[in-house]
Amino acid sequence: MSKLHFTTKHANAASVQRKWYVVDGTNQTVGRISSKIASVLRGKNKAYYTPHVDCGDFVIIINADKVKFTGNKMDEKEYQTVSGYPGGQKIEIARDLIKRRPEVIMERAIKGMLPKNRLGRQMYKKLFVYAGAEHPHGAQQPVEFKF
């Protein structure tokens, strides 16, 4: 009897093919859309996904100011920042933050779903969030991402 030998193909930086996707955040729930985008940034939607290689695609989020929360999260969810100085802790609820800086809500939700290492920081750089409907990445010819 002869033994069959199968080899597993691992992705590397040279073999990864990146695409550009655009996602419209209008009337989308923050957590549900963030988990799908985090999966695309990691590259889990590809057949050749390799955990130790950045296989992900570029994602552009437009209309980040029109996302929604379920339940009472708009009034109860708190975002905390600390400056490092005594008394430098600032807490802001989601309703105020979405008026002031709407892209931060999507960025923080997605960043929390990525790995906490240098690979995760590399994946996070492929995310672009914009409050309005316009974005400056038209030259990359992004495709609309279907959920």
N, C-alpha and C. Protein backbone atom coordinates (compact mmCIF):
# COMPACT_ATOMS: atom_id res chain seq x y z
N MET A 1 0.82 -1.18 0.00
CA MET A 1 0.00 0.00 0.00
C MET A 1 0.87 1.24 0.00
N SER A 2 0.48 2.20 -0.78
CA SER A 2 1.21 3.47 -0.81
C SER A 2 0.47 4.48 0.06
N LYS A 3 1.23 5.31 0.72
CA LYS A 3 0.63 6.34 1.57
C LYS A 3 0.44 7.61 0.76
N LEU A 4 -0.68 8.24 0.98
CA LEU A 4 -0.95 9.51 0.33
C LEU A 4 -0.42 10.64 1.21
N HIS A 5 0.21 11.60 0.61
CA HIS A 5 0.74 12.73 1.35
C HIS A 5 0.02 14.00 0.89
N PHE A 6 -0.64 14.62 1.84
CA PHE A 6 -1.33 15.87 1.56
C PHE A 6 -0.60 16.98 2.30
N THR A 7 -0.44 18.09 1.64
CA THR A 7 0.20 19.22 2.28
C THR A 7 -0.82 20.34 2.44
N THR A 8 -0.71 21.04 3.54
CA THR A 8 -1.58 22.16 3.81
C THR A 8 -0.93 23.43 3.27
N LYS A 9 -1.69 24.17 2.51
CA LYS A 9 -1.18 25.44 1.97
C LYS A 9 -1.42 26.54 2.99
N HIS A 10 -0.35 27.22 3.38
CA HIS A 10 -0.45 28.34 4.30
C HIS A 10 -0.29 29.64 3.52
N ALA A 11 -1.11 30.61 3.86
CA ALA A 11 -1.02 31.91 3.21
C ALA A 11 0.21 32.65 3.73
N ASN A 12 0.78 33.49 2.89
CA ASN A 12 1.85 34.39 3.32
C ASN A 12 1.59 35.76 2.69
N ALA A 13 2.44 36.70 3.01
CA ALA A 13 2.22 38.08 2.56
C ALA A 13 2.17 38.18 1.03
N ALA A 14 2.91 37.33 0.35
CA ALA A 14 2.95 37.40 -1.11
C ALA A 14 1.71 36.79 -1.76
N SER A 15 1.08 35.82 -1.11
CA SER A 15 -0.04 35.11 -1.73
C SER A 15 -1.40 35.71 -1.38
N VAL A 16 -1.46 36.66 -0.46
CA VAL A 16 -2.74 37.24 -0.05
C VAL A 16 -3.20 38.25 -1.08
N GLN A 17 -4.46 38.13 -1.50
CA GLN A 17 -5.05 39.08 -2.44
C GLN A 17 -6.10 39.89 -1.67
N ARG A 18 -5.87 41.19 -1.57
CA ARG A 18 -6.76 42.04 -0.78
C ARG A 18 -7.79 42.74 -1.67
N LYS A 19 -9.01 42.83 -1.16
CA LYS A 19 -10.08 43.54 -1.83
C LYS A 19 -10.50 44.71 -0.96
N TRP A 20 -11.22 45.64 -1.54
CA TRP A 20 -11.76 46.78 -0.82
C TRP A 20 -13.27 46.65 -0.78
N TYR A 21 -13.84 46.77 0.41
CA TYR A 21 -15.29 46.70 0.60
C TYR A 21 -15.78 47.99 1.22
N VAL A 22 -16.99 48.39 0.86
CA VAL A 22 -17.63 49.54 1.47
C VAL A 22 -18.91 49.05 2.14
N VAL A 23 -19.12 49.49 3.40
CA VAL A 23 -20.27 49.07 4.19
C VAL A 23 -21.05 50.31 4.58
N ASP A 24 -22.36 50.28 4.36
CA ASP A 24 -23.23 51.39 4.75
C ASP A 24 -23.79 51.09 6.13
N GLY A 25 -23.54 51.98 7.09
CA GLY A 25 -23.97 51.75 8.46
C GLY A 25 -25.37 52.23 8.77
N THR A 26 -26.12 52.66 7.78
CA THR A 26 -27.46 53.20 8.02
C THR A 26 -28.37 52.11 8.59
N ASN A 27 -28.94 52.40 9.76
CA ASN A 27 -29.88 51.51 10.47
C ASN A 27 -29.30 50.12 10.76
N GLN A 28 -27.99 50.02 10.90
CA GLN A 28 -27.34 48.75 11.26
C GLN A 28 -27.07 48.75 12.76
N THR A 29 -27.20 47.60 13.40
CA THR A 29 -26.90 47.48 14.82
C THR A 29 -25.38 47.40 14.99
N VAL A 30 -24.86 48.14 15.96
CA VAL A 30 -23.41 48.30 16.11
C VAL A 30 -22.71 46.95 16.31
N GLY A 31 -23.17 46.15 17.23
CA GLY A 31 -22.49 44.89 17.53
C GLY A 31 -22.53 43.89 16.38
N ARG A 32 -23.66 43.80 15.72
CA ARG A 32 -23.80 42.81 14.64
C ARG A 32 -22.96 43.17 13.43
N ILE A 33 -22.96 44.44 13.06
CA ILE A 33 -22.16 44.85 11.91
C ILE A 33 -20.67 44.80 12.26
N SER A 34 -20.32 45.11 13.51
CA SER A 34 -18.91 45.11 13.91
C SER A 34 -18.31 43.72 13.87
N SER A 35 -19.06 42.72 14.30
CA SER A 35 -18.53 41.36 14.30
C SER A 35 -18.29 40.86 12.88
N LYS A 36 -19.15 41.23 11.94
CA LYS A 36 -18.95 40.81 10.56
C LYS A 36 -17.76 41.54 9.93
N ILE A 37 -17.60 42.82 10.24
CA ILE A 37 -16.48 43.58 9.70
C ILE A 37 -15.17 43.08 10.29
N ALA A 38 -15.15 42.76 11.59
CA ALA A 38 -13.94 42.23 12.22
C ALA A 38 -13.53 40.91 11.58
N SER A 39 -14.50 40.10 11.20
CA SER A 39 -14.21 38.84 10.53
C SER A 39 -13.57 39.07 9.16
N VAL A 40 -14.04 40.08 8.43
CA VAL A 40 -13.47 40.41 7.12
C VAL A 40 -12.07 40.98 7.28
N LEU A 41 -11.86 41.82 8.30
CA LEU A 41 -10.52 42.39 8.53
C LEU A 41 -9.51 41.30 8.88
N ARG A 42 -9.94 40.25 9.57
CA ARG A 42 -9.06 39.14 9.91
C ARG A 42 -8.82 38.23 8.71
N GLY A 43 -9.76 38.18 7.76
CA GLY A 43 -9.63 37.31 6.60
C GLY A 43 -10.34 35.99 6.76
N LYS A 44 -11.24 35.89 7.73
CA LYS A 44 -11.92 34.62 7.99
C LYS A 44 -12.95 34.28 6.91
N ASN A 45 -13.25 35.22 6.02
CA ASN A 45 -14.17 34.95 4.94
C ASN A 45 -13.48 34.30 3.73
N LYS A 46 -12.19 34.03 3.84
CA LYS A 46 -11.43 33.46 2.73
C LYS A 46 -11.11 32.00 2.99
N ALA A 47 -10.98 31.24 1.93
CA ALA A 47 -10.70 29.81 2.05
C ALA A 47 -9.29 29.55 2.55
N TYR A 48 -8.37 30.46 2.28
CA TYR A 48 -6.98 30.25 2.67
C TYR A 48 -6.63 31.00 3.96
N TYR A 49 -7.60 31.21 4.84
CA TYR A 49 -7.36 31.90 6.11
C TYR A 49 -6.29 31.19 6.91
N THR A 50 -5.30 31.95 7.37
CA THR A 50 -4.22 31.45 8.20
C THR A 50 -4.15 32.34 9.44
N PRO A 51 -4.23 31.78 10.65
CA PRO A 51 -4.32 32.62 11.85
C PRO A 51 -3.12 33.53 12.09
N HIS A 52 -1.92 33.13 11.69
CA HIS A 52 -0.74 33.92 11.99
C HIS A 52 -0.35 34.87 10.86
N VAL A 53 -1.21 35.02 9.84
CA VAL A 53 -0.93 35.92 8.71
C VAL A 53 -2.12 36.86 8.56
N ASP A 54 -1.84 38.11 8.23
CA ASP A 54 -2.90 39.09 7.99
C ASP A 54 -3.47 38.84 6.59
N CYS A 55 -4.58 38.11 6.52
CA CYS A 55 -5.21 37.75 5.24
C CYS A 55 -6.38 38.67 4.91
N GLY A 56 -6.67 39.63 5.77
CA GLY A 56 -7.89 40.40 5.66
C GLY A 56 -7.93 41.41 4.53
N ASP A 57 -9.13 41.91 4.32
CA ASP A 57 -9.39 42.89 3.28
C ASP A 57 -9.55 44.28 3.91
N PHE A 58 -9.56 45.30 3.05
CA PHE A 58 -9.79 46.67 3.48
C PHE A 58 -11.30 46.90 3.58
N VAL A 59 -11.73 47.63 4.62
CA VAL A 59 -13.14 47.90 4.82
C VAL A 59 -13.33 49.39 5.05
N ILE A 60 -14.29 49.98 4.31
CA ILE A 60 -14.66 51.38 4.46
C ILE A 60 -16.09 51.40 5.00
N ILE A 61 -16.30 52.09 6.09
CA ILE A 61 -17.64 52.23 6.67
C ILE A 61 -18.10 53.66 6.43
N ILE A 62 -19.25 53.81 5.79
CA ILE A 62 -19.83 55.13 5.59
C ILE A 62 -21.11 55.22 6.42
N ASN A 63 -21.58 56.43 6.65
CA ASN A 63 -22.77 56.70 7.47
C ASN A 63 -22.66 56.10 8.86
N ALA A 64 -21.51 56.27 9.49
CA ALA A 64 -21.31 55.74 10.84
C ALA A 64 -22.15 56.49 11.86
N ASP A 65 -22.62 57.68 11.50
CA ASP A 65 -23.47 58.43 12.43
C ASP A 65 -24.90 57.93 12.45
N LYS A 66 -25.26 56.99 11.57
CA LYS A 66 -26.63 56.49 11.50
C LYS A 66 -26.78 55.07 12.04
N VAL A 67 -25.75 54.57 12.74
CA VAL A 67 -25.86 53.24 13.34
C VAL A 67 -26.77 53.32 14.55
N LYS A 68 -27.25 52.17 15.01
CA LYS A 68 -28.16 52.17 16.15
C LYS A 68 -27.74 51.11 17.16
N PHE A 69 -28.23 51.26 18.36
CA PHE A 69 -28.04 50.31 19.44
C PHE A 69 -29.38 49.66 19.76
N THR A 70 -29.34 48.48 20.36
CA THR A 70 -30.57 47.84 20.81
C THR A 70 -30.81 48.19 22.27
N GLY A 71 -32.04 48.10 22.69
CA GLY A 71 -32.37 48.34 24.09
C GLY A 71 -32.09 49.77 24.51
N ASN A 72 -31.60 49.94 25.73
CA ASN A 72 -31.31 51.26 26.29
C ASN A 72 -29.85 51.64 26.17
N LYS A 73 -29.10 50.96 25.31
CA LYS A 73 -27.66 51.19 25.24
C LYS A 73 -27.32 52.62 24.82
N MET A 74 -28.16 53.26 24.03
CA MET A 74 -27.87 54.61 23.59
C MET A 74 -27.78 55.57 24.78
N ASP A 75 -28.55 55.31 25.84
CA ASP A 75 -28.53 56.18 27.02
C ASP A 75 -27.71 55.61 28.17
N GLU A 76 -27.39 54.32 28.14
CA GLU A 76 -26.72 53.70 29.29
C GLU A 76 -25.28 53.27 29.01
N LYS A 77 -24.94 53.02 27.76
CA LYS A 77 -23.57 52.57 27.45
C LYS A 77 -22.60 53.72 27.63
N GLU A 78 -21.51 53.45 28.35
CA GLU A 78 -20.53 54.48 28.65
C GLU A 78 -19.20 54.19 27.96
N TYR A 79 -18.59 55.22 27.44
CA TYR A 79 -17.26 55.14 26.85
C TYR A 79 -16.31 55.92 27.75
N GLN A 80 -15.24 55.28 28.18
CA GLN A 80 -14.33 55.86 29.16
C GLN A 80 -12.97 56.12 28.53
N THR A 81 -12.41 57.29 28.82
CA THR A 81 -11.04 57.61 28.43
C THR A 81 -10.30 58.11 29.66
N VAL A 82 -9.01 57.82 29.74
CA VAL A 82 -8.19 58.24 30.87
C VAL A 82 -6.95 58.91 30.30
N SER A 83 -6.67 60.15 30.78
CA SER A 83 -5.54 60.90 30.26
C SER A 83 -4.23 60.48 30.93
N GLY A 84 -4.29 59.88 32.10
CA GLY A 84 -3.09 59.51 32.82
C GLY A 84 -2.75 60.47 33.94
N TYR A 85 -3.39 61.62 33.95
CA TYR A 85 -3.20 62.59 35.02
C TYR A 85 -4.23 62.33 36.13
N PRO A 86 -3.96 62.78 37.34
CA PRO A 86 -4.95 62.63 38.42
C PRO A 86 -6.24 63.36 38.06
N GLY A 87 -7.35 62.67 38.20
CA GLY A 87 -8.65 63.25 37.84
C GLY A 87 -8.88 63.33 36.35
N GLY A 88 -8.09 62.60 35.55
CA GLY A 88 -8.19 62.68 34.10
C GLY A 88 -9.12 61.66 33.48
N GLN A 89 -9.99 61.07 34.27
CA GLN A 89 -10.93 60.08 33.75
C GLN A 89 -12.18 60.80 33.23
N LYS A 90 -12.55 60.50 31.99
CA LYS A 90 -13.73 61.11 31.39
C LYS A 90 -14.66 60.01 30.93
N ILE A 91 -15.93 60.13 31.25
CA ILE A 91 -16.94 59.15 30.86
C ILE A 91 -18.00 59.88 30.04
N GLU A 92 -18.36 59.26 28.91
CA GLU A 92 -19.33 59.86 28.00
C GLU A 92 -20.31 58.78 27.57
N ILE A 93 -21.59 59.10 27.55
CA ILE A 93 -22.57 58.10 27.11
C ILE A 93 -22.62 58.07 25.59
N ALA A 94 -23.17 56.99 25.06
CA ALA A 94 -23.16 56.76 23.61
C ALA A 94 -23.90 57.85 22.85
N ARG A 95 -25.00 58.35 23.40
CA ARG A 95 -25.77 59.39 22.70
C ARG A 95 -24.94 60.65 22.48
N ASP A 96 -24.15 61.04 23.48
CA ASP A 96 -23.32 62.23 23.34
C ASP A 96 -22.14 61.99 22.41
N LEU A 97 -21.54 60.79 22.50
CA LEU A 97 -20.38 60.48 21.67
C LEU A 97 -20.75 60.38 20.19
N ILE A 98 -21.93 59.84 19.90
CA ILE A 98 -22.33 59.69 18.49
C ILE A 98 -22.63 61.06 17.87
N LYS A 99 -22.98 62.04 18.68
CA LYS A 99 -23.17 63.40 18.16
C LYS A 99 -21.82 64.07 17.91
N ARG A 100 -20.87 63.85 18.83
CA ARG A 100 -19.59 64.55 18.78
C ARG A 100 -18.61 63.89 17.82
N ARG A 101 -18.40 62.58 17.95
CA ARG A 101 -17.45 61.84 17.10
C ARG A 101 -18.04 60.48 16.75
N PRO A 102 -18.90 60.39 15.74
CA PRO A 102 -19.62 59.13 15.48
C PRO A 102 -18.72 57.99 14.99
N GLU A 103 -17.56 58.31 14.42
CA GLU A 103 -16.72 57.21 13.93
C GLU A 103 -16.08 56.42 15.06
N VAL A 104 -15.93 57.04 16.23
CA VAL A 104 -15.25 56.39 17.36
C VAL A 104 -16.03 55.17 17.83
N ILE A 105 -17.35 55.21 17.77
CA ILE A 105 -18.16 54.09 18.24
C ILE A 105 -17.88 52.84 17.42
N MET A 106 -17.84 52.97 16.11
CA MET A 106 -17.56 51.80 15.26
C MET A 106 -16.11 51.36 15.41
N GLU A 107 -15.18 52.30 15.47
CA GLU A 107 -13.76 51.95 15.59
C GLU A 107 -13.49 51.17 16.86
N ARG A 108 -14.04 51.62 17.98
CA ARG A 108 -13.78 50.94 19.25
C ARG A 108 -14.46 49.58 19.31
N ALA A 109 -15.65 49.46 18.72
CA ALA A 109 -16.34 48.17 18.72
C ALA A 109 -15.57 47.14 17.91
N ILE A 110 -15.05 47.54 16.76
CA ILE A 110 -14.33 46.60 15.89
C ILE A 110 -12.95 46.30 16.46
N LYS A 111 -12.27 47.30 17.00
CA LYS A 111 -10.93 47.09 17.55
C LYS A 111 -10.97 46.10 18.71
N GLY A 112 -12.04 46.12 19.48
CA GLY A 112 -12.18 45.18 20.59
C GLY A 112 -12.37 43.74 20.15
N MET A 113 -12.74 43.53 18.89
CA MET A 113 -12.96 42.18 18.37
C MET A 113 -11.75 41.63 17.63
N LEU A 114 -10.71 42.42 17.48
CA LEU A 114 -9.49 41.97 16.80
C LEU A 114 -8.48 41.46 17.82
N PRO A 115 -7.48 40.68 17.38
CA PRO A 115 -6.46 40.19 18.32
C PRO A 115 -5.71 41.34 18.98
N LYS A 116 -5.30 41.11 20.23
CA LYS A 116 -4.58 42.14 20.99
C LYS A 116 -3.08 41.92 20.87
N ASN A 117 -2.55 42.05 19.67
CA ASN A 117 -1.11 41.91 19.43
C ASN A 117 -0.76 42.72 18.19
N ARG A 118 0.49 42.60 17.72
CA ARG A 118 0.88 43.43 16.58
C ARG A 118 0.15 43.02 15.30
N LEU A 119 -0.28 41.78 15.22
CA LEU A 119 -1.06 41.35 14.05
C LEU A 119 -2.43 42.05 14.06
N GLY A 120 -3.04 42.17 15.23
CA GLY A 120 -4.31 42.86 15.34
C GLY A 120 -4.19 44.34 15.02
N ARG A 121 -3.09 44.96 15.43
CA ARG A 121 -2.88 46.37 15.10
C ARG A 121 -2.69 46.56 13.60
N GLN A 122 -2.07 45.59 12.95
CA GLN A 122 -1.90 45.65 11.49
C GLN A 122 -3.25 45.50 10.79
N MET A 123 -4.11 44.64 11.32
CA MET A 123 -5.45 44.46 10.74
C MET A 123 -6.30 45.72 10.91
N TYR A 124 -6.15 46.37 12.06
CA TYR A 124 -6.95 47.55 12.38
C TYR A 124 -6.65 48.71 11.43
N LYS A 125 -5.43 48.75 10.89
CA LYS A 125 -5.05 49.82 9.97
C LYS A 125 -5.78 49.74 8.63
N LYS A 126 -6.44 48.61 8.36
CA LYS A 126 -7.18 48.45 7.10
C LYS A 126 -8.64 48.88 7.23
N LEU A 127 -8.99 49.50 8.36
CA LEU A 127 -10.35 49.96 8.60
C LEU A 127 -10.41 51.48 8.44
N PHE A 128 -11.41 51.95 7.70
CA PHE A 128 -11.62 53.38 7.48
C PHE A 128 -13.08 53.69 7.77
N VAL A 129 -13.33 54.59 8.71
CA VAL A 129 -14.70 54.90 9.13
C VAL A 129 -14.97 56.38 8.86
N TYR A 130 -16.13 56.66 8.26
CA TYR A 130 -16.53 58.03 7.94
C TYR A 130 -17.96 58.26 8.39
N ALA A 131 -18.23 59.45 8.95
CA ALA A 131 -19.55 59.76 9.48
C ALA A 131 -20.55 59.98 8.35
N GLY A 132 -20.15 60.58 7.27
CA GLY A 132 -21.06 60.88 6.17
C GLY A 132 -21.07 59.80 5.11
N ALA A 133 -21.71 60.13 3.99
CA ALA A 133 -21.86 59.17 2.90
C ALA A 133 -20.70 59.21 1.91
N GLU A 134 -19.79 60.16 2.06
CA GLU A 134 -18.66 60.30 1.13
C GLU A 134 -17.39 59.72 1.73
N HIS A 135 -16.54 59.17 0.86
CA HIS A 135 -15.23 58.68 1.29
C HIS A 135 -14.21 58.95 0.18
N PRO A 136 -12.92 59.12 0.53
CA PRO A 136 -11.91 59.47 -0.47
C PRO A 136 -11.23 58.27 -1.12
N HIS A 137 -11.83 57.08 -1.06
CA HIS A 137 -11.19 55.87 -1.56
C HIS A 137 -11.82 55.38 -2.87
N GLY A 138 -12.27 56.29 -3.69
CA GLY A 138 -12.90 55.91 -4.95
C GLY A 138 -11.93 55.27 -5.93
N ALA A 139 -10.65 55.62 -5.85
CA ALA A 139 -9.66 55.07 -6.77
C ALA A 139 -9.44 53.58 -6.54
N GLN A 140 -9.73 53.09 -5.35
CA GLN A 140 -9.55 51.66 -5.06
C GLN A 140 -10.73 50.82 -5.55
N GLN A 141 -11.77 51.45 -6.05
CA GLN A 141 -12.97 50.79 -6.58
C GLN A 141 -13.54 49.78 -5.58
N PRO A 142 -13.98 50.25 -4.41
CA PRO A 142 -14.52 49.32 -3.42
C PRO A 142 -15.85 48.74 -3.86
N VAL A 143 -16.09 47.51 -3.45
CA VAL A 143 -17.33 46.79 -3.76
C VAL A 143 -18.20 46.82 -2.53
N GLU A 144 -19.51 46.92 -2.72
CA GLU A 144 -20.41 46.92 -1.58
C GLU A 144 -20.41 45.54 -0.93
N PHE A 145 -20.27 45.51 0.39
CA PHE A 145 -20.21 44.24 1.11
C PHE A 145 -21.62 43.80 1.46
N LYS A 146 -21.97 42.59 1.07
CA LYS A 146 -23.29 42.03 1.33
C LYS A 146 -23.23 41.16 2.58
N PHE A 147 -24.20 41.35 3.48
CA PHE A 147 -24.26 40.57 4.70
C PHE A 147 -25.07 39.31 4.50
